[in-house]
N, C-alpha and C. Protein backbone atom coordinates (compact mmCIF):
# COMPACT_ATOMS: atom_id res chain seq x y z
N MET A 1 0.76 -0.87 -0.06
CA MET A 1 -0.03 0.03 -0.10
C MET A 1 0.89 1.19 0.19
N ALA A 2 2.07 1.39 0.73
CA ALA A 2 2.66 2.46 0.78
C ALA A 2 3.31 3.00 -0.46
N PRO A 3 3.79 2.00 -1.42
CA PRO A 3 4.40 2.57 -2.85
C PRO A 3 3.29 3.15 -3.73
N LYS A 4 1.66 2.65 -3.33
CA LYS A 4 0.89 3.15 -4.19
C LYS A 4 0.61 4.59 -3.60
N LEU A 5 0.53 4.88 -2.23
CA LEU A 5 0.39 6.20 -1.71
C LEU A 5 1.35 7.05 -2.12
N ARG A 6 2.42 6.81 -1.94
CA ARG A 6 3.75 7.55 -2.41
C ARG A 6 3.39 8.01 -3.91
N SER A 7 2.98 7.07 -4.58
CA SER A 7 3.04 7.49 -6.18
C SER A 7 1.92 8.38 -6.35
N ASN A 8 1.00 8.55 -5.28
CA ASN A 8 0.27 9.83 -5.09
C ASN A 8 0.53 11.04 -4.44
N GLY A 9 1.75 11.15 -4.18
CA GLY A 9 2.35 12.31 -3.67
C GLY A 9 2.31 12.22 -2.15
N LEU A 10 1.76 11.28 -1.64
CA LEU A 10 1.79 11.36 0.01
C LEU A 10 3.25 11.13 0.76
N ASP A 11 3.53 11.55 1.61
CA ASP A 11 4.97 11.79 2.50
C ASP A 11 4.57 10.71 3.40
N ILE A 12 4.61 9.41 2.90
CA ILE A 12 4.57 8.09 4.00
C ILE A 12 5.52 7.95 4.73
N ASP A 13 6.87 8.28 4.50
CA ASP A 13 8.03 8.15 5.32
C ASP A 13 8.03 9.02 6.78
N GLY A 14 7.35 10.15 5.98
CA GLY A 14 7.06 11.21 7.35
C GLY A 14 5.93 10.64 8.33
N ALA A 15 4.85 10.12 7.48
CA ALA A 15 3.84 9.69 8.57
C ALA A 15 4.24 8.53 9.35
N ILE A 16 5.02 7.50 8.67
CA ILE A 16 5.79 6.32 9.49
C ILE A 16 6.56 7.07 10.60
N GLN A 17 7.13 7.93 10.51
CA GLN A 17 7.95 8.34 11.51
C GLN A 17 7.29 8.94 12.73
N GLN A 18 6.26 9.74 12.19
CA GLN A 18 5.23 10.52 13.06
C GLN A 18 4.17 9.63 13.88
N GLY A 19 4.24 8.20 13.26
CA GLY A 19 3.42 7.39 13.83
C GLY A 19 1.99 7.27 13.31
N SER A 20 1.72 8.11 12.12
CA SER A 20 0.26 8.11 11.84
C SER A 20 -0.10 7.36 10.81
N TYR A 21 1.13 6.58 10.42
CA TYR A 21 0.91 5.36 9.17
C TYR A 21 1.14 4.22 9.99
N ILE A 22 0.26 3.38 9.92
CA ILE A 22 0.33 2.23 10.57
C ILE A 22 0.10 0.99 9.44
N SER A 23 1.05 0.36 9.47
CA SER A 23 0.98 -0.55 8.20
C SER A 23 0.69 -2.03 8.83
N LEU A 24 -0.42 -2.71 8.37
CA LEU A 24 -0.56 -4.07 8.85
C LEU A 24 -0.72 -4.91 7.82
N ASP A 25 -0.44 -6.23 8.03
CA ASP A 25 -0.61 -7.33 6.86
C ASP A 25 -2.16 -7.62 6.89
N ALA A 26 -2.64 -7.41 5.65
CA ALA A 26 -4.09 -7.70 5.36
C ALA A 26 -4.73 -8.99 5.44
N ALA A 27 -3.44 -9.91 5.24
CA ALA A 27 -3.74 -11.54 5.24
C ALA A 27 -3.72 -11.81 6.91
N GLU A 28 -3.17 -11.16 7.64
CA GLU A 28 -3.28 -11.55 8.93
C GLU A 28 -4.50 -10.98 9.82
N ILE A 29 -5.05 -9.68 9.33
CA ILE A 29 -5.89 -9.00 9.97
C ILE A 29 -7.30 -9.87 9.75
N ARG A 30 -7.61 -10.59 8.38
CA ARG A 30 -8.95 -11.22 8.16
C ARG A 30 -8.87 -12.73 8.82
N VAL A 31 -7.68 -12.90 9.31
CA VAL A 31 -7.96 -14.28 10.18
C VAL A 31 -8.76 -14.26 11.33
N ALA A 32 -8.93 -13.25 11.84
CA ALA A 32 -9.77 -13.55 12.95
C ALA A 32 -11.27 -13.28 12.53
N ASN A 33 -11.95 -14.90 12.60
CA ASN A 33 -13.19 -14.90 12.45
C ASN A 33 -14.00 -15.94 13.28
N TYR A 34 -15.39 -15.90 13.19
CA TYR A 34 -16.30 -16.54 13.86
C TYR A 34 -16.94 -17.37 12.76
N GLY A 35 -16.69 -18.95 12.73
CA GLY A 35 -17.43 -19.69 11.81
C GLY A 35 -17.43 -19.12 10.29
N GLY A 36 -15.94 -19.03 10.10
CA GLY A 36 -15.75 -18.87 8.71
C GLY A 36 -15.94 -17.08 8.19
N LEU A 37 -16.64 -16.50 9.19
CA LEU A 37 -16.89 -15.04 8.95
C LEU A 37 -15.89 -14.25 9.93
N PRO A 38 -15.93 -12.83 9.56
CA PRO A 38 -15.06 -11.84 10.51
C PRO A 38 -16.13 -11.75 11.62
N ASP A 39 -15.15 -11.68 12.95
CA ASP A 39 -15.75 -11.44 13.87
C ASP A 39 -15.80 -10.08 14.05
N GLY A 40 -17.24 -9.69 13.98
CA GLY A 40 -17.54 -7.96 13.91
C GLY A 40 -17.22 -7.31 15.28
N LEU A 41 -17.32 -7.82 16.43
CA LEU A 41 -17.11 -7.28 17.55
C LEU A 41 -15.32 -6.91 17.49
N LEU A 42 -14.67 -8.00 17.25
CA LEU A 42 -13.18 -8.00 17.35
C LEU A 42 -12.60 -6.96 16.22
N LEU A 43 -13.38 -6.88 15.20
CA LEU A 43 -13.16 -5.94 13.92
C LEU A 43 -13.11 -4.51 14.50
N ILE A 44 -14.20 -4.15 15.05
CA ILE A 44 -14.52 -2.82 15.61
C ILE A 44 -13.74 -2.29 16.69
N GLU A 45 -13.25 -3.41 17.40
CA GLU A 45 -12.35 -3.17 18.65
C GLU A 45 -11.27 -2.71 18.07
N SER A 46 -10.61 -3.64 17.24
CA SER A 46 -9.37 -3.41 16.56
C SER A 46 -9.24 -2.10 15.85
N LEU A 47 -10.26 -1.68 14.89
CA LEU A 47 -10.25 -0.36 14.23
C LEU A 47 -10.40 0.87 15.14
N SER A 48 -11.20 0.60 16.27
CA SER A 48 -10.95 1.73 17.37
C SER A 48 -9.72 1.82 18.01
N GLY A 49 -8.99 1.14 18.26
CA GLY A 49 -7.66 0.76 18.84
C GLY A 49 -6.95 1.49 17.80
N LEU A 50 -6.90 0.95 16.39
CA LEU A 50 -5.81 1.70 15.50
C LEU A 50 -6.23 3.28 15.41
N MET A 51 -7.57 3.56 15.41
CA MET A 51 -7.70 4.96 15.24
C MET A 51 -7.05 5.82 16.33
N LYS A 52 -7.19 5.40 17.52
CA LYS A 52 -6.76 6.13 18.56
C LYS A 52 -5.26 6.21 18.64
N LEU A 53 -4.45 5.12 18.24
CA LEU A 53 -3.27 5.20 18.09
C LEU A 53 -2.71 6.28 16.93
N ALA A 54 -3.56 6.25 15.77
CA ALA A 54 -3.01 7.11 14.49
C ALA A 54 -3.56 8.49 14.87
N SER A 55 -4.71 8.86 15.67
CA SER A 55 -5.15 9.95 16.21
C SER A 55 -4.20 10.66 17.02
N ALA A 56 -3.67 9.78 18.13
CA ALA A 56 -2.96 10.75 18.93
C ALA A 56 -1.61 10.99 18.67
N ALA A 57 -1.08 10.28 17.29
CA ALA A 57 0.12 10.64 16.68
C ALA A 57 -0.06 12.03 15.91
N VAL A 58 -1.09 12.11 15.30
CA VAL A 58 -1.50 13.33 14.45
C VAL A 58 -1.37 14.59 15.39
N ARG A 59 -1.96 14.59 16.55
CA ARG A 59 -2.17 15.37 17.64
C ARG A 59 -2.96 16.38 16.97
N LYS A 60 -4.21 16.63 16.18
CA LYS A 60 -4.85 17.51 15.86
C LYS A 60 -6.25 17.08 16.17
N PRO A 61 -7.27 17.82 16.65
CA PRO A 61 -8.65 17.41 16.89
C PRO A 61 -9.03 17.04 15.69
N ASP A 62 -10.07 15.70 15.81
CA ASP A 62 -10.77 15.04 14.70
C ASP A 62 -9.97 15.18 13.50
N PRO A 63 -8.85 14.31 13.40
CA PRO A 63 -8.07 13.98 12.33
C PRO A 63 -8.65 13.17 11.36
N ARG A 64 -8.39 13.36 10.02
CA ARG A 64 -8.85 12.63 8.94
C ARG A 64 -8.24 11.04 9.02
N ILE A 65 -8.94 9.88 9.20
CA ILE A 65 -8.25 8.52 9.24
C ILE A 65 -8.75 7.88 8.09
N ALA A 66 -7.75 7.13 7.41
CA ALA A 66 -7.99 6.39 6.41
C ALA A 66 -7.28 4.78 6.31
N ILE A 67 -8.25 3.81 6.00
CA ILE A 67 -7.61 2.36 5.98
C ILE A 67 -7.85 2.09 4.54
N SER A 68 -7.32 1.00 4.24
CA SER A 68 -7.13 0.25 3.04
C SER A 68 -8.09 -0.92 2.92
N GLY A 69 -8.77 -1.26 2.26
CA GLY A 69 -9.78 -2.21 2.06
C GLY A 69 -9.11 -3.50 1.42
N GLU A 70 -8.00 -4.05 1.62
CA GLU A 70 -7.24 -5.19 0.92
C GLU A 70 -7.71 -6.34 1.25
N SER A 71 -8.25 -6.60 2.50
CA SER A 71 -8.64 -7.69 3.25
C SER A 71 -9.68 -8.28 2.48
N CYS A 72 -10.60 -7.71 1.94
CA CYS A 72 -11.70 -8.09 1.12
C CYS A 72 -11.44 -8.53 -0.32
N GLY A 73 -10.28 -7.73 -0.83
CA GLY A 73 -9.84 -8.49 -2.12
C GLY A 73 -9.29 -9.80 -1.97
N LEU A 74 -8.54 -10.05 -0.84
CA LEU A 74 -7.90 -11.41 -0.40
C LEU A 74 -8.85 -12.50 -0.33
N LEU A 75 -9.84 -12.13 0.62
CA LEU A 75 -11.18 -13.09 0.69
C LEU A 75 -11.77 -13.48 -0.57
N CYS A 76 -11.94 -12.62 -1.39
CA CYS A 76 -12.80 -12.74 -2.85
C CYS A 76 -11.58 -13.67 -3.41
N ALA A 77 -10.49 -13.40 -3.43
CA ALA A 77 -9.44 -14.08 -4.38
C ALA A 77 -9.28 -15.58 -3.85
N GLU A 78 -9.64 -15.67 -2.62
CA GLU A 78 -9.67 -17.29 -2.04
C GLU A 78 -10.97 -17.81 -2.14
N GLY A 79 -12.00 -17.30 -2.79
CA GLY A 79 -13.27 -17.76 -3.10
C GLY A 79 -14.37 -17.76 -1.53
N ASN A 80 -13.88 -16.82 -0.93
CA ASN A 80 -14.60 -16.67 0.34
C ASN A 80 -15.46 -15.31 0.20
N GLY A 81 -16.34 -15.27 -0.80
CA GLY A 81 -17.01 -14.04 -0.98
C GLY A 81 -18.19 -13.64 -0.09
N ARG A 82 -18.57 -14.50 0.64
CA ARG A 82 -19.60 -14.37 2.04
C ARG A 82 -18.75 -13.56 3.10
N ALA A 83 -17.45 -14.01 3.27
CA ALA A 83 -16.80 -13.41 4.44
C ALA A 83 -16.19 -12.06 3.92
N ALA A 84 -15.89 -11.68 2.70
CA ALA A 84 -15.56 -10.49 2.18
C ALA A 84 -16.74 -9.44 2.08
N ILE A 85 -17.98 -9.79 2.07
CA ILE A 85 -19.25 -8.96 1.92
C ILE A 85 -19.29 -8.68 3.40
N GLN A 86 -19.49 -9.70 4.28
CA GLN A 86 -19.40 -9.39 5.94
C GLN A 86 -18.37 -8.44 6.53
N LEU A 87 -16.99 -8.52 5.81
CA LEU A 87 -16.01 -7.72 6.48
C LEU A 87 -16.40 -6.16 5.89
N GLU A 88 -16.71 -6.16 4.71
CA GLU A 88 -17.05 -4.79 3.50
C GLU A 88 -18.30 -4.11 4.82
N LYS A 89 -19.23 -4.74 4.99
CA LYS A 89 -20.56 -4.35 5.71
C LYS A 89 -19.99 -3.94 7.06
N ILE A 90 -19.14 -4.62 7.87
CA ILE A 90 -18.56 -4.12 9.37
C ILE A 90 -17.91 -2.74 9.12
N ALA A 91 -16.79 -2.85 8.06
CA ALA A 91 -16.14 -1.55 7.92
C ALA A 91 -16.87 -0.35 7.37
N ASN A 92 -17.76 -0.59 6.28
CA ASN A 92 -18.59 0.68 5.97
C ASN A 92 -19.51 1.18 7.16
N TYR A 93 -20.07 0.35 8.11
CA TYR A 93 -20.79 0.71 9.19
C TYR A 93 -19.80 1.39 10.17
N PHE A 94 -18.43 1.17 10.25
CA PHE A 94 -17.82 1.68 11.32
C PHE A 94 -17.39 2.77 10.80
N ALA A 95 -17.07 3.09 9.29
CA ALA A 95 -16.96 4.45 8.69
C ALA A 95 -17.95 5.38 8.84
N THR A 96 -19.22 5.08 9.01
CA THR A 96 -20.28 5.69 9.17
C THR A 96 -20.55 6.34 10.41
N THR A 97 -20.14 5.65 11.27
CA THR A 97 -19.87 5.88 12.95
C THR A 97 -18.84 6.89 13.38
N HIS A 98 -17.88 6.86 12.54
CA HIS A 98 -16.42 7.38 12.96
C HIS A 98 -15.98 8.17 11.56
N ASN A 99 -14.89 8.95 12.04
CA ASN A 99 -14.29 9.73 10.94
C ASN A 99 -13.41 9.05 10.14
N LEU A 100 -14.00 8.01 9.44
CA LEU A 100 -12.95 7.07 8.71
C LEU A 100 -13.22 7.05 7.25
N GLU A 101 -12.16 6.91 6.56
CA GLU A 101 -12.48 6.95 4.97
C GLU A 101 -11.76 5.60 4.74
N ILE A 102 -12.58 4.73 3.60
CA ILE A 102 -12.12 3.41 3.24
C ILE A 102 -11.30 3.58 1.91
N LEU A 103 -10.07 3.31 2.03
CA LEU A 103 -9.53 3.70 0.65
C LEU A 103 -9.67 2.25 -0.44
N ARG A 104 -9.80 2.43 -1.54
CA ARG A 104 -9.91 1.29 -2.37
C ARG A 104 -9.08 1.65 -3.81
N PHE A 105 -8.21 0.76 -3.90
CA PHE A 105 -7.31 1.12 -5.09
C PHE A 105 -7.66 -0.18 -6.25
């Protein structure tokens, strides 16, 4: 994801140093599931924690937070469309209740 963001002119190295860019492995994030589907509560708790970390690093009131939706693509590529749809629904709901934008490349 970082190379794509850099190619769009974003200072990813500066964001990494500041602590406002947090890189996670999409394959690891989607592993947490319940009966083959993402665990909604665990996902929301995780997103909340990540938003708090990134927000604290920015030190601005109500900072703009963005996440990448790579995990859904990985699930689809594995033939698990049901889990991808569930993950997308959870993330979209979270985005409507928080100052969060989901990046899709």
